[in-house]
Amino acid sequence: MKTVSSLLNEEWYHRYKTISKLNIRSSIYDVTNRCNLRCKGCFFFSSGEHEAAREEMDIRKWEDFIDGEMARGVNLAILIGGEPTLCLDRVEAFYKRLPTFCATNGLIKVQRDRFPDMMVGISLWGDEADEKTLRGKDTFSISSKHYAGDPHAYYLYTLTTKQIGKTERLVKKIRDAGLKVHMQLLSNDEGVDQFFWGEEQLKDIRDEMDQMLDYYPDTVISSKYYHRIITTGKMLDRPFGWNECPSVTEPLDRRSPGPKRLIGFIRWASDLKTMHRCCTSETRDCSTCKDGAAHMSWVMVNKRAHIRSERDLQNWIEVYEMFAKLYQFIPW
């Protein structure tokens, strides 16, 4: 019988034991329905989720709600929006109570005297040209000044078809700013022309992601197994999709039989009552979803399936470590 201890040497077993103690229980929160950008392909606005619930304005109700989330076992709050930095009092309510990750476009700086060690993920949608096309603004020129050298911030670099052959320049700029970077792929929810992925393009961008990890291991937080999964949509020959996704809101999940899933996961709207279907949106086609966190979670909840060879289990450990680093459960 294959077991974790029988498949791993001492070094890898130690790495496994470190992450096996974490017991991460996350949920996602729409902090606000507002944003200071309107990006082509942002699932929040393209799906109409910004109109799904009326924003709760009473900070005391936010505080009571967060206390309730902690009581049901949440130990990682992932804050999205709209743009969370537009409502820093709500962000602070989370931060004072439990480990908190804030996703931001970086245009408003999170002040470190108020949030000294909160992990901040800064969105970056390609290079300057892509950003102007998709977001109307070159955000990197602003966010890199706000967060240069910040040990608790990293870039979430969303790769587009136009980034093939160009990723190294941006990875270098991020490195030179003293920051880390994690890569995922644009899902192109609004069908912007020339931003659709083809099979050859996915193969090429995977090769490039692998190269960036090899060339800049102290800057890029990733794993080649993750690159393979995000570009092929397959894990252990199983295709990603509705019947596999682990990031479905638990009280709304009616799948039968149910797949391996995140325990207690809910994505809450900004009224603190409405629940969204999943970690992205109800209008997204699951078979074409390229959300990085959803694919990472897919690997993480399927540990047993990876206990079939030394390399498979090592792949699982690397993805879990990557997730834990991005949310500050273990150091870079």
Protein backbone atom coordinates (compact mmCIF):
# COMPACT_ATOMS: atom_id res chain seq x y z
CA MET A 1 0.00 0.00 0.00
CA LYS A 2 1.34 3.42 -0.98
CA THR A 3 1.45 5.97 1.82
CA VAL A 4 2.85 9.47 2.21
CA SER A 5 5.79 8.27 4.27
CA SER A 6 6.64 5.45 1.88
CA LEU A 7 6.75 7.76 -1.15
CA LEU A 8 8.80 10.64 0.29
CA ASN A 9 12.36 11.02 1.46
CA GLU A 10 13.17 12.90 4.67
CA GLU A 11 13.30 16.36 3.06
CA TRP A 12 10.00 16.04 1.22
CA TYR A 13 8.31 14.42 4.22
CA HIS A 14 9.31 17.42 6.34
CA ARG A 15 7.81 19.74 3.74
CA TYR A 16 4.64 17.67 3.74
CA LYS A 17 4.36 17.77 7.54
CA THR A 18 4.75 21.57 7.53
CA ILE A 19 1.78 22.14 5.24
CA SER A 20 -0.34 19.32 6.65
CA LYS A 21 -0.65 21.26 9.92
CA LEU A 22 -2.13 24.38 8.32
CA ASN A 23 -5.79 23.35 8.00
CA ILE A 24 -6.69 26.38 5.87
CA ARG A 25 -10.40 27.30 5.84
CA SER A 26 -11.02 30.21 3.48
CA SER A 27 -13.96 32.18 2.19
CA ILE A 28 -14.21 35.13 -0.21
CA TYR A 29 -15.86 38.48 0.53
CA ASP A 30 -17.04 41.24 -1.79
CA VAL A 31 -15.98 44.24 0.28
CA THR A 32 -17.74 46.73 -1.99
CA ASN A 33 -19.61 46.89 -5.30
CA ARG A 34 -17.58 49.90 -6.41
CA CYS A 35 -14.27 50.14 -8.22
CA ASN A 36 -11.96 52.89 -9.49
CA LEU A 37 -11.34 50.92 -12.71
CA ARG A 38 -13.58 49.12 -15.18
CA CYS A 39 -11.56 46.27 -16.67
CA LYS A 40 -12.72 44.37 -19.75
CA GLY A 41 -12.95 40.82 -18.48
CA CYS A 42 -13.50 41.49 -14.79
CA PHE A 43 -15.98 38.76 -13.83
CA PHE A 44 -17.50 40.91 -11.08
CA PHE A 45 -18.87 43.51 -13.48
CA SER A 46 -19.30 41.39 -16.60
CA SER A 47 -21.57 39.02 -14.67
CA GLY A 48 -23.64 41.77 -13.09
CA GLU A 49 -22.62 40.74 -9.59
CA HIS A 50 -22.09 44.39 -8.66
CA GLU A 51 -25.89 44.73 -8.87
CA ALA A 52 -26.75 41.47 -7.11
CA ALA A 53 -26.86 42.91 -3.59
CA ARG A 54 -27.11 46.28 -1.89
CA GLU A 55 -23.88 47.21 -0.13
CA GLU A 56 -23.99 47.11 3.68
CA MET A 57 -22.77 50.47 4.98
CA ASP A 58 -22.90 49.91 8.76
CA ILE A 59 -19.41 48.94 9.96
CA ARG A 60 -20.83 47.40 13.13
CA LYS A 61 -22.76 44.91 11.04
CA TRP A 62 -19.56 44.03 9.21
CA GLU A 63 -17.82 43.43 12.54
CA ASP A 64 -20.65 41.19 13.80
CA PHE A 65 -20.67 39.31 10.48
CA ILE A 66 -16.92 38.68 10.63
CA ASP A 67 -17.24 37.38 14.19
CA GLY A 68 -19.82 34.92 12.86
CA GLU A 69 -17.49 33.83 10.08
CA MET A 70 -14.76 33.11 12.59
CA ALA A 71 -17.23 31.13 14.70
CA ARG A 72 -17.97 28.85 11.73
CA GLY A 73 -14.24 28.14 11.30
CA VAL A 74 -12.95 30.60 8.69
CA ASN A 75 -9.24 31.27 9.22
CA LEU A 76 -8.47 33.07 5.94
CA ALA A 77 -10.50 36.00 4.62
CA ILE A 78 -9.92 36.72 0.93
CA LEU A 79 -11.14 40.24 0.21
CA ILE A 80 -12.14 41.20 -3.31
CA GLY A 81 -14.60 43.73 -4.71
CA GLY A 82 -15.02 45.91 -6.53
CA GLU A 83 -11.92 47.52 -5.09
CA PRO A 84 -11.46 46.77 -1.36
CA THR A 85 -9.18 49.76 -0.71
CA LEU A 86 -12.15 52.06 -1.30
CA CYS A 87 -13.50 50.78 2.04
CA LEU A 88 -10.51 50.40 4.34
CA ASP A 89 -12.66 50.46 7.46
CA ARG A 90 -14.22 47.17 6.31
CA VAL A 91 -10.81 45.77 5.41
CA GLU A 92 -9.60 46.72 8.89
CA ALA A 93 -12.54 44.94 10.51
CA PHE A 94 -11.35 41.71 8.90
CA TYR A 95 -7.66 42.37 9.53
CA LYS A 96 -8.12 42.94 13.27
CA ARG A 97 -9.82 39.56 13.61
CA LEU A 98 -8.25 36.94 11.37
CA PRO A 99 -5.61 36.35 8.65
CA THR A 100 -6.61 38.56 5.75
CA PHE A 101 -5.64 38.80 2.08
CA CYS A 102 -6.59 41.91 0.13
CA ALA A 103 -6.80 41.80 -3.66
CA THR A 104 -6.28 45.26 -5.14
CA ASN A 105 -5.51 47.05 -8.39
CA GLY A 106 -2.86 48.97 -6.47
CA LEU A 107 -4.06 52.47 -7.30
CA ILE A 108 -4.72 53.22 -3.61
CA LYS A 109 -1.88 52.32 -1.28
CA VAL A 110 -2.58 50.17 1.76
CA GLN A 111 -0.87 52.10 4.52
CA ARG A 112 1.48 49.86 6.47
CA ASP A 113 1.11 51.78 9.73
CA ARG A 114 -2.50 50.61 9.70
CA PHE A 115 -2.03 47.18 8.08
CA PRO A 116 1.60 46.26 8.88
CA ASP A 117 1.60 42.65 7.72
CA MET A 118 -1.59 42.14 5.70
CA MET A 119 -0.88 40.26 2.48
CA VAL A 120 -1.74 42.36 -0.55
CA GLY A 121 -2.16 40.85 -4.03
CA ILE A 122 -1.80 43.46 -6.77
CA SER A 123 -3.51 42.73 -10.07
CA LEU A 124 -1.54 43.20 -13.28
CA TRP A 125 -3.15 42.45 -16.65
CA GLY A 126 -0.26 42.11 -19.06
CA ASP A 127 2.16 44.84 -20.09
CA GLU A 128 1.49 48.56 -20.52
CA ALA A 129 -0.28 48.08 -23.86
CA ASP A 130 -2.51 45.26 -22.59
CA GLU A 131 -3.38 47.21 -19.46
CA LYS A 132 -4.42 50.25 -21.46
CA THR A 133 -6.54 48.07 -23.73
CA LEU A 134 -8.17 46.00 -20.99
CA ARG A 135 -8.14 48.40 -18.02
CA GLY A 136 -7.80 51.86 -19.53
CA LYS A 137 -4.67 52.58 -17.53
CA ASP A 138 -1.09 51.42 -16.94
CA THR A 139 -1.54 50.44 -13.29
CA PHE A 140 1.99 49.08 -12.78
CA SER A 141 3.55 52.54 -12.99
CA ILE A 142 1.44 53.54 -9.98
CA SER A 143 1.29 50.33 -7.92
CA SER A 144 5.03 49.62 -8.20
CA LYS A 145 5.78 52.97 -6.54
CA HIS A 146 3.27 52.25 -3.78
CA TYR A 147 4.60 48.80 -2.93
CA ALA A 148 8.28 48.69 -3.94
CA GLY A 149 10.19 46.47 -1.52
CA ASP A 150 7.08 45.51 0.45
CA PRO A 151 7.61 42.01 1.93
CA HIS A 152 3.86 41.48 2.29
CA ALA A 153 2.82 42.25 -1.29
CA TYR A 154 3.08 40.49 -4.63
CA TYR A 155 1.82 40.87 -8.18
CA LEU A 156 -0.86 38.61 -9.58
CA TYR A 157 0.27 38.77 -13.21
CA THR A 158 -2.64 37.77 -15.43
CA LEU A 159 -1.09 36.60 -18.69
CA THR A 160 -2.81 37.29 -21.98
CA THR A 161 -2.21 35.90 -25.46
CA LYS A 162 -0.22 39.03 -26.25
CA GLN A 163 2.27 38.32 -23.45
CA ILE A 164 3.85 35.35 -25.22
CA GLY A 165 7.51 36.22 -25.67
CA LYS A 166 7.20 39.28 -23.42
CA THR A 167 6.81 38.01 -19.86
CA GLU A 168 10.47 38.29 -18.90
CA ARG A 169 10.53 42.07 -19.18
CA LEU A 170 7.70 42.43 -16.66
CA VAL A 171 9.09 39.76 -14.34
CA LYS A 172 12.37 41.69 -14.30
CA LYS A 173 10.55 44.94 -13.53
CA ILE A 174 8.75 43.24 -10.64
CA ARG A 175 12.03 41.78 -9.37
CA ASP A 176 13.72 45.18 -9.62
CA ALA A 177 10.87 46.67 -7.57
CA GLY A 178 11.72 44.17 -4.83
CA LEU A 179 8.47 42.23 -5.16
CA LYS A 180 7.28 38.70 -5.91
CA VAL A 181 5.00 37.58 -8.74
CA HIS A 182 2.49 34.81 -9.31
CA MET A 183 1.04 34.07 -12.74
CA GLN A 184 -2.40 33.05 -13.97
CA LEU A 185 -4.25 33.33 -17.28
CA LEU A 186 -6.89 35.73 -18.54
CA SER A 187 -10.27 34.00 -18.84
CA ASN A 188 -11.53 36.77 -21.18
CA ASP A 189 -15.08 36.78 -19.78
CA GLU A 190 -16.13 39.65 -22.04
CA GLY A 191 -14.77 38.12 -25.24
CA VAL A 192 -12.31 40.87 -26.11
CA ASP A 193 -11.05 40.35 -29.66
CA GLN A 194 -7.53 38.89 -29.98
CA PHE A 195 -7.46 37.79 -26.34
CA PHE A 196 -8.81 34.23 -26.80
CA TRP A 197 -6.52 31.31 -26.00
CA GLY A 198 -5.70 28.64 -28.59
CA GLU A 199 -3.98 25.32 -27.95
CA GLU A 200 -0.64 26.41 -29.41
CA GLN A 201 -0.74 29.67 -27.48
CA LEU A 202 -1.40 27.79 -24.25
CA LYS A 203 1.55 25.51 -24.93
CA ASP A 204 3.80 28.47 -25.66
CA ILE A 205 2.78 30.39 -22.55
CA ARG A 206 3.28 27.30 -20.41
CA ASP A 207 6.85 26.98 -21.70
CA GLU A 208 7.39 30.63 -20.90
CA MET A 209 5.96 30.31 -17.39
CA ASP A 210 8.30 27.37 -16.78
CA GLN A 211 11.24 29.44 -18.00
CA MET A 212 10.37 32.34 -15.71
CA LEU A 213 10.29 29.98 -12.73
CA ASP A 214 13.69 28.54 -13.74
CA TYR A 215 15.28 31.93 -14.41
CA TYR A 216 13.82 33.86 -11.46
CA PRO A 217 13.12 31.37 -8.65
CA ASP A 218 13.49 34.06 -5.97
CA THR A 219 10.85 36.24 -7.65
CA VAL A 220 8.32 33.85 -9.19
CA ILE A 221 6.04 32.00 -6.73
CA SER A 222 4.75 29.05 -8.72
CA SER A 223 5.22 25.43 -9.75
CA LYS A 224 5.50 23.69 -13.10
CA TYR A 225 2.70 21.32 -12.16
CA TYR A 226 0.42 24.31 -11.65
CA HIS A 227 1.50 25.65 -15.05
CA ARG A 228 0.58 22.34 -16.67
CA ILE A 229 -2.84 22.27 -15.04
CA ILE A 230 -3.75 25.89 -15.75
CA THR A 231 -2.78 25.61 -19.43
CA THR A 232 -4.23 22.15 -20.15
CA GLY A 233 -7.27 22.25 -17.83
CA LYS A 234 -6.41 18.73 -16.71
CA MET A 235 -5.19 17.14 -13.48
CA LEU A 236 -4.25 13.46 -13.50
CA ASP A 237 -6.16 13.19 -16.83
CA ARG A 238 -9.32 14.64 -15.24
CA PRO A 239 -10.74 17.76 -16.96
CA PHE A 240 -11.52 20.85 -14.91
CA GLY A 241 -15.16 21.98 -14.92
CA TRP A 242 -18.34 22.25 -12.89
CA ASN A 243 -18.21 18.61 -11.81
CA GLU A 244 -14.67 19.04 -10.45
CA CYS A 245 -14.39 22.60 -9.15
CA PRO A 246 -13.83 22.73 -5.37
CA SER A 247 -14.60 26.46 -5.00
CA VAL A 248 -18.40 26.34 -5.08
CA THR A 249 -20.31 28.01 -2.25
CA GLU A 250 -21.17 25.17 0.10
CA PRO A 251 -24.83 26.04 0.93
CA LEU A 252 -25.59 26.43 -2.79
CA ASP A 253 -23.79 23.27 -3.91
CA ARG A 254 -26.31 20.74 -5.20
CA ARG A 255 -23.92 18.59 -7.23
CA SER A 256 -24.48 14.86 -6.94
CA PRO A 257 -22.24 13.10 -6.45
CA GLY A 258 -20.31 15.95 -4.91
CA PRO A 259 -16.62 16.32 -5.80
CA LYS A 260 -13.82 16.98 -3.35
CA ARG A 261 -14.38 20.56 -2.25
CA LEU A 262 -13.19 23.33 0.06
CA ILE A 263 -14.75 22.79 3.48
CA GLY A 264 -17.12 25.58 4.48
CA PHE A 265 -16.29 27.76 1.50
CA ILE A 266 -18.70 30.65 0.79
CA ARG A 267 -18.37 33.67 -1.44
CA TRP A 268 -20.33 36.46 0.17
CA ALA A 269 -21.80 39.55 -1.50
CA SER A 270 -21.37 42.98 0.07
CA ASP A 271 -24.79 42.90 1.76
CA LEU A 272 -23.44 40.13 4.04
CA LYS A 273 -26.47 37.98 3.18
CA THR A 274 -26.33 37.10 -0.52
CA MET A 275 -24.13 34.22 -1.61
CA HIS A 276 -22.54 33.93 -5.04
CA ARG A 277 -22.27 30.56 -6.80
CA CYS A 278 -18.49 30.22 -6.75
CA CYS A 279 -15.17 32.03 -6.48
CA THR A 280 -15.75 33.74 -9.85
CA SER A 281 -19.26 34.18 -11.29
CA GLU A 282 -22.43 32.39 -12.32
CA THR A 283 -22.01 33.54 -15.92
CA ARG A 284 -18.56 32.08 -16.41
CA ASP A 285 -18.34 28.84 -18.39
CA CYS A 286 -16.58 26.45 -15.98
CA SER A 287 -15.04 24.48 -18.84
CA THR A 288 -13.09 27.57 -19.96
CA CYS A 289 -12.35 29.01 -16.51
CA LYS A 290 -8.67 29.69 -15.98
CA ASP A 291 -8.87 31.08 -12.46
CA GLY A 292 -5.58 30.32 -10.75
CA ALA A 293 -6.89 29.96 -7.21
CA ALA A 294 -9.65 27.58 -8.29
CA HIS A 295 -7.14 25.32 -10.01
CA MET A 296 -4.75 25.44 -7.05
CA SER A 297 -7.60 24.50 -4.74
CA TRP A 298 -8.56 21.68 -7.10
CA VAL A 299 -5.14 20.16 -6.59
CA MET A 300 -5.10 20.78 -2.86
CA VAL A 301 -8.37 18.99 -2.07
CA ASN A 302 -7.28 15.95 -4.09
CA LYS A 303 -4.32 14.80 -2.01
CA ARG A 304 -5.36 11.17 -1.98
CA ALA A 305 -5.45 11.05 -5.79
CA HIS A 306 -1.80 12.16 -5.82
CA ILE A 307 -0.63 9.40 -3.50
CA ARG A 308 0.22 7.16 -6.44
CA SER A 309 3.88 8.01 -7.12
CA GLU A 310 6.70 10.03 -5.62
CA ARG A 311 6.50 12.69 -8.34
CA ASP A 312 2.71 13.02 -8.12
CA LEU A 313 2.85 13.59 -4.39
CA GLN A 314 5.72 16.06 -4.73
CA ASN A 315 3.63 17.96 -7.28
CA TRP A 316 0.78 18.14 -4.78
CA ILE A 317 3.13 19.43 -2.06
CA GLU A 318 4.55 22.13 -4.34
CA VAL A 319 1.10 23.45 -5.22
CA TYR A 320 0.01 23.46 -1.57
CA GLU A 321 3.22 25.28 -0.61
CA MET A 322 2.59 27.82 -3.35
CA PHE A 323 -0.92 28.55 -2.07
CA ALA A 324 0.34 28.78 1.52
CA LYS A 325 3.05 31.27 0.52
CA LEU A 326 0.64 33.45 -1.46
CA TYR A 327 -1.63 33.74 1.57
CA GLN A 328 1.21 34.07 4.07
CA PHE A 329 0.76 30.82 5.98
CA ILE A 330 4.40 29.94 5.35
CA PRO A 331 7.28 32.31 4.41
CA TRP A 332 8.43 32.96 0.86
